[in-house]
Amino acid sequence: GCHLGMTVPVLNEIRLTKEGTELEREVLTAYYLPGEFQQNPPVPVDPEIHITERAPLRVITRIFYGMTTEETILREISLLWELLGSTDAMLRDTYIVASYENPSVPRRRNEIWFIRRA
């Protein structure tokens, strides 16, 4: 088999509950498939892993450092909305947290991504 290792950023697609005050429990985690594997991706051995082609996204992003807990993610979402002001150009129920370093790094670099509507 082929072991790809870890690629960055690791993307975690998160959704807010209807009330908008908590994160849904189910999170979609995605790893970038390096270019040399994109035309002919390896077949995953684990049935929980799926190869998906994602359409290009347009995002507005803000960097933050440290742990990614529900509390820190909700705070970062709130802070970026404060900076943006009121706009209908961005999705309000789905966000992406991009992590660029191993979770054991104390001040690891992350980004909160707001996804522009199509």
Protein backbone atom coordinates (compact mmCIF):
# COMPACT_ATOMS: atom_id res chain seq x y z
CA GLY A 1 0.00 0.00 0.00
CA CYS A 2 0.81 3.66 -0.08
CA HIS A 3 1.18 5.74 3.10
CA LEU A 4 0.75 9.45 2.35
CA GLY A 5 1.59 10.83 5.79
CA MET A 6 0.15 14.13 6.97
CA THR A 7 -0.37 17.12 4.70
CA VAL A 8 -1.19 20.66 5.77
CA PRO A 9 -3.36 22.46 6.27
CA VAL A 10 -5.65 19.94 7.95
CA LEU A 11 -9.16 21.26 7.38
CA ASN A 12 -11.98 20.71 9.84
CA GLU A 13 -15.37 21.69 8.44
CA ILE A 14 -17.65 22.59 11.32
CA ARG A 15 -21.29 23.53 11.50
CA LEU A 16 -23.14 25.55 14.10
CA THR A 17 -26.33 24.31 15.75
CA LYS A 18 -29.59 26.01 14.70
CA GLU A 19 -29.27 28.40 17.66
CA GLY A 20 -25.77 29.32 16.48
CA THR A 21 -24.36 29.01 20.00
CA GLU A 22 -22.67 25.60 19.79
CA LEU A 23 -20.83 23.42 17.30
CA GLU A 24 -22.47 20.33 15.84
CA ARG A 25 -20.73 17.19 17.13
CA GLU A 26 -20.00 15.83 13.65
CA VAL A 27 -16.89 17.37 12.07
CA LEU A 28 -15.56 16.62 8.59
CA THR A 29 -11.75 16.42 8.60
CA ALA A 30 -9.96 16.74 5.26
CA TYR A 31 -6.32 16.35 4.22
CA TYR A 32 -4.91 17.76 1.01
CA LEU A 33 -4.02 15.07 -1.52
CA PRO A 34 -0.63 15.99 -3.04
CA GLY A 35 -0.61 16.78 -6.76
CA GLU A 36 1.19 13.60 -7.83
CA PHE A 37 -1.74 11.51 -6.47
CA GLN A 38 -4.65 13.61 -7.72
CA GLN A 39 -5.13 11.98 -11.13
CA ASN A 40 -4.99 8.48 -9.65
CA PRO A 41 -5.66 8.60 -5.89
CA PRO A 42 -4.78 5.55 -3.80
CA VAL A 43 -7.81 3.53 -2.68
CA PRO A 44 -8.35 3.97 1.09
CA VAL A 45 -8.17 0.77 3.17
CA ASP A 46 -10.34 2.21 5.94
CA PRO A 47 -14.06 2.41 5.00
CA GLU A 48 -14.36 5.66 7.01
CA ILE A 49 -11.96 7.44 4.61
CA HIS A 50 -13.26 8.84 1.33
CA ILE A 51 -11.49 10.62 -1.53
CA THR A 52 -13.56 13.68 -2.44
CA GLU A 53 -12.94 16.38 -5.00
CA ARG A 54 -13.83 19.77 -3.58
CA ALA A 55 -14.75 22.69 -5.78
CA PRO A 56 -12.54 25.75 -5.29
CA LEU A 57 -13.57 27.90 -2.33
CA ARG A 58 -13.37 31.62 -1.82
CA VAL A 59 -12.80 32.37 1.85
CA ILE A 60 -12.08 35.20 4.23
CA THR A 61 -9.66 34.05 6.89
CA ARG A 62 -8.15 35.13 10.18
CA ILE A 63 -5.11 33.57 11.89
CA PHE A 64 -5.20 32.51 15.53
CA TYR A 65 -2.77 30.54 17.69
CA GLY A 66 -3.14 27.80 20.27
CA MET A 67 -5.64 25.05 20.99
CA THR A 68 -8.75 24.55 18.88
CA THR A 69 -11.54 23.89 21.36
CA GLU A 70 -15.24 24.63 20.90
CA GLU A 71 -14.74 27.73 23.05
CA THR A 72 -11.79 29.10 21.04
CA ILE A 73 -13.47 28.34 17.69
CA LEU A 74 -16.73 30.07 18.70
CA ARG A 75 -14.68 33.06 19.96
CA GLU A 76 -12.77 33.27 16.65
CA ILE A 77 -16.02 33.09 14.65
CA SER A 78 -17.47 35.89 16.77
CA LEU A 79 -14.32 38.03 16.43
CA LEU A 80 -14.23 37.70 12.64
CA TRP A 81 -17.95 38.58 12.37
CA GLU A 82 -17.22 41.68 14.47
CA LEU A 83 -14.44 42.68 12.07
CA LEU A 84 -16.54 41.97 8.96
CA GLY A 85 -19.74 43.59 10.10
CA SER A 86 -23.11 42.60 8.69
CA THR A 87 -22.88 40.86 5.30
CA ASP A 88 -24.84 38.20 3.45
CA ALA A 89 -21.81 37.31 1.30
CA MET A 90 -20.61 34.64 3.75
CA LEU A 91 -22.17 31.38 4.96
CA ARG A 92 -23.33 31.61 8.58
CA ASP A 93 -23.73 27.94 9.48
CA THR A 94 -20.56 26.34 8.07
CA TYR A 95 -16.95 27.29 8.82
CA ILE A 96 -13.54 25.71 8.34
CA VAL A 97 -10.72 25.58 10.87
CA ALA A 98 -7.37 25.11 9.11
CA SER A 99 -4.47 23.83 11.23
CA TYR A 100 -0.90 24.10 10.00
CA GLU A 101 1.03 22.37 12.76
CA ASN A 102 0.90 19.24 14.89
CA PRO A 103 -1.67 19.47 17.75
CA SER A 104 1.16 19.04 20.29
CA VAL A 105 2.69 22.42 19.30
CA PRO A 106 1.61 24.78 22.15
CA ARG A 107 1.11 27.90 20.01
CA ARG A 108 0.22 26.18 16.77
CA ARG A 109 -0.98 28.30 13.87
CA ASN A 110 -4.64 27.95 12.89
CA GLU A 111 -7.03 29.90 10.71
CA ILE A 112 -10.77 30.33 10.84
CA TRP A 113 -12.22 30.37 7.30
CA PHE A 114 -15.50 32.04 6.42
CA ILE A 115 -16.82 30.60 3.16
CA ARG A 116 -18.13 33.03 0.53
CA ARG A 117 -21.49 32.20 -0.98
CA ALA A 118 -21.33 31.01 -4.61
